[in-house]
Amino acid sequence: MSNDRAYVCNVEGAVCDDSAYLLGTRSKEEDHAAGELSLIGGTVDAETDDDVLQTTVRREIREETTVEVGEMVAGEVVVPSTAAKQLTVR
């Protein structure tokens, strides 16, 4: 991965089936939240198509869990006090 990008965009997806949610355990070697439960996600590739967020979420979930994502419903956009925007997909 090239480090010359001005911004890095990460996405996470909440996969649910009725009332059950799919979570992953972060590697103990991670710098952030090592060993903690988390939603599945990853970094957006510069070469991704027009549906960049959905494409990235689908790819990351497939790569990390072998689960193929069906219908995607965009949730609300949350703007925390840090002013960073987070798109929740369930």
C-alpha atoms as a PDB file:
ATOM      1  CA  MET A   1       0.000   0.000   0.000  1.00  0.00           C
ATOM      2  CA  SER A   2       1.341   3.409  -0.928  1.00  0.00           C
ATOM      3  CA  ASN A   3       1.794   5.930   1.879  1.00  0.00           C
ATOM      4  CA  ASP A   4       1.615   8.976  -0.399  1.00  0.00           C
ATOM      5  CA  ARG A   5      -2.170   9.398  -0.199  1.00  0.00           C
ATOM      6  CA  ALA A   6      -3.556  12.551   1.385  1.00  0.00           C
ATOM      7  CA  TYR A   7      -6.402  10.665   3.089  1.00  0.00           C
ATOM      8  CA  VAL A   8      -7.138   7.100   4.143  1.00  0.00           C
ATOM      9  CA  CYS A   9     -10.773   5.994   4.246  1.00  0.00           C
ATOM     10  CA  ASN A  10     -11.799   2.980   6.315  1.00  0.00           C
ATOM     11  CA  VAL A  11     -15.241   1.363   6.239  1.00  0.00           C
ATOM     12  CA  GLU A  12     -17.005  -1.147   8.473  1.00  0.00           C
ATOM     13  CA  GLY A  13     -20.150  -3.150   7.885  1.00  0.00           C
ATOM     14  CA  ALA A  14     -22.641  -4.541  10.373  1.00  0.00           C
ATOM     15  CA  VAL A  15     -23.863  -7.881   9.004  1.00  0.00           C
ATOM     16  CA  CYS A  16     -27.144  -8.990  10.557  1.00  0.00           C
ATOM     17  CA  ASP A  17     -29.616 -11.808  10.166  1.00  0.00           C
ATOM     18  CA  ASP A  18     -32.781 -11.126  12.161  1.00  0.00           C
ATOM     19  CA  SER A  19     -31.355 -10.263  15.607  1.00  0.00           C
ATOM     20  CA  ALA A  20     -27.879 -11.828  15.210  1.00  0.00           C
ATOM     21  CA  TYR A  21     -24.850  -9.731  14.234  1.00  0.00           C
ATOM     22  CA  LEU A  22     -21.500 -10.850  12.823  1.00  0.00           C
ATOM     23  CA  LEU A  23     -18.488  -9.507  14.733  1.00  0.00           C
ATOM     24  CA  GLY A  24     -14.795 -10.217  14.380  1.00  0.00           C
ATOM     25  CA  THR A  25     -12.009 -10.263  16.941  1.00  0.00           C
ATOM     26  CA  ARG A  26      -9.180  -7.883  16.090  1.00  0.00           C
ATOM     27  CA  SER A  27      -5.682  -9.349  16.021  1.00  0.00           C
ATOM     28  CA  LYS A  28      -3.676  -8.983  19.221  1.00  0.00           C
ATOM     29  CA  GLU A  29      -0.944  -7.399  17.051  1.00  0.00           C
ATOM     30  CA  GLU A  30      -3.161  -4.465  15.961  1.00  0.00           C
ATOM     31  CA  ASP A  31      -2.147  -0.967  17.056  1.00  0.00           C
ATOM     32  CA  HIS A  32      -5.760   0.033  17.732  1.00  0.00           C
ATOM     33  CA  ALA A  33      -8.157  -2.005  19.931  1.00  0.00           C
ATOM     34  CA  ALA A  34      -6.014  -5.161  19.851  1.00  0.00           C
ATOM     35  CA  GLY A  35      -7.981  -8.304  20.749  1.00  0.00           C
ATOM     36  CA  GLU A  36     -11.319  -6.451  20.887  1.00  0.00           C
ATOM     37  CA  LEU A  37     -14.572  -7.350  19.120  1.00  0.00           C
ATOM     38  CA  SER A  38     -15.299  -5.202  16.081  1.00  0.00           C
ATOM     39  CA  LEU A  39     -17.380  -4.873  12.970  1.00  0.00           C
ATOM     40  CA  ILE A  40     -15.773  -6.207   9.798  1.00  0.00           C
ATOM     41  CA  GLY A  41     -14.111  -3.631   7.580  1.00  0.00           C
ATOM     42  CA  GLY A  42     -10.993  -2.267   5.993  1.00  0.00           C
ATOM     43  CA  THR A  43      -9.368   0.391   3.868  1.00  0.00           C
ATOM     44  CA  VAL A  44     -10.825   1.741   0.621  1.00  0.00           C
ATOM     45  CA  ASP A  45      -8.633   1.038  -2.423  1.00  0.00           C
ATOM     46  CA  ALA A  46      -7.974   3.917  -4.816  1.00  0.00           C
ATOM     47  CA  GLU A  47      -8.792   1.640  -7.781  1.00  0.00           C
ATOM     48  CA  THR A  48     -12.306   0.739  -6.559  1.00  0.00           C
ATOM     49  CA  ASP A  49     -15.324   1.513  -8.794  1.00  0.00           C
ATOM     50  CA  ASP A  50     -18.013   4.199  -8.387  1.00  0.00           C
ATOM     51  CA  ASP A  51     -19.758   2.417  -5.492  1.00  0.00           C
ATOM     52  CA  VAL A  52     -16.537   2.638  -3.514  1.00  0.00           C
ATOM     53  CA  LEU A  53     -17.950   2.269   0.023  1.00  0.00           C
ATOM     54  CA  GLN A  54     -20.276  -0.654  -0.730  1.00  0.00           C
ATOM     55  CA  THR A  55     -17.650  -2.363  -2.887  1.00  0.00           C
ATOM     56  CA  THR A  56     -15.078  -2.071  -0.108  1.00  0.00           C
ATOM     57  CA  VAL A  57     -17.452  -3.322   2.605  1.00  0.00           C
ATOM     58  CA  ARG A  58     -18.466  -6.310   0.473  1.00  0.00           C
ATOM     59  CA  ARG A  59     -14.824  -7.153  -0.340  1.00  0.00           C
ATOM     60  CA  GLU A  60     -13.619  -6.870   3.267  1.00  0.00           C
ATOM     61  CA  ILE A  61     -16.467  -8.999   4.649  1.00  0.00           C
ATOM     62  CA  ARG A  62     -15.874 -11.646   1.955  1.00  0.00           C
ATOM     63  CA  GLU A  63     -12.084 -11.661   2.523  1.00  0.00           C
ATOM     64  CA  GLU A  64     -12.263 -11.806   6.311  1.00  0.00           C
ATOM     65  CA  THR A  65     -15.251 -14.144   6.787  1.00  0.00           C
ATOM     66  CA  THR A  66     -16.120 -15.779   3.406  1.00  0.00           C
ATOM     67  CA  VAL A  67     -19.659 -14.377   3.861  1.00  0.00           C
ATOM     68  CA  GLU A  68     -21.247 -12.914   0.716  1.00  0.00           C
ATOM     69  CA  VAL A  69     -23.259  -9.797   1.574  1.00  0.00           C
ATOM     70  CA  GLY A  70     -26.812  -9.625   0.246  1.00  0.00           C
ATOM     71  CA  GLU A  71     -28.965  -6.487   0.272  1.00  0.00           C
ATOM     72  CA  MET A  72     -27.254  -3.462   1.785  1.00  0.00           C
ATOM     73  CA  VAL A  73     -29.222  -0.764   3.586  1.00  0.00           C
ATOM     74  CA  ALA A  74     -27.409   2.463   4.363  1.00  0.00           C
ATOM     75  CA  GLY A  75     -27.919   3.607   7.924  1.00  0.00           C
ATOM     76  CA  GLU A  76     -27.666   7.044   9.376  1.00  0.00           C
ATOM     77  CA  VAL A  77     -24.538   9.150   9.121  1.00  0.00           C
ATOM     78  CA  VAL A  78     -23.170   9.864  12.595  1.00  0.00           C
ATOM     79  CA  VAL A  79     -21.021  12.924  13.194  1.00  0.00           C
ATOM     80  CA  PRO A  80     -19.278  12.487  16.555  1.00  0.00           C
ATOM     81  CA  SER A  81     -17.715  15.375  18.444  1.00  0.00           C
ATOM     82  CA  THR A  82     -14.430  14.783  16.600  1.00  0.00           C
ATOM     83  CA  ALA A  83     -16.253  15.818  13.398  1.00  0.00           C
ATOM     84  CA  ALA A  84     -15.235  12.569  11.672  1.00  0.00           C
ATOM     85  CA  LYS A  85     -18.057  11.094   9.587  1.00  0.00           C
ATOM     86  CA  GLN A  86     -18.949   7.434   9.885  1.00  0.00           C
ATOM     87  CA  LEU A  87     -21.350   5.613   7.562  1.00  0.00           C
ATOM     88  CA  THR A  88     -22.983   2.626   9.179  1.00  0.00           C
ATOM     89  CA  VAL A  89     -24.141  -0.108   6.813  1.00  0.00           C
ATOM     90  CA  ARG A  90     -26.302  -2.918   8.128  1.00  0.00           C
END
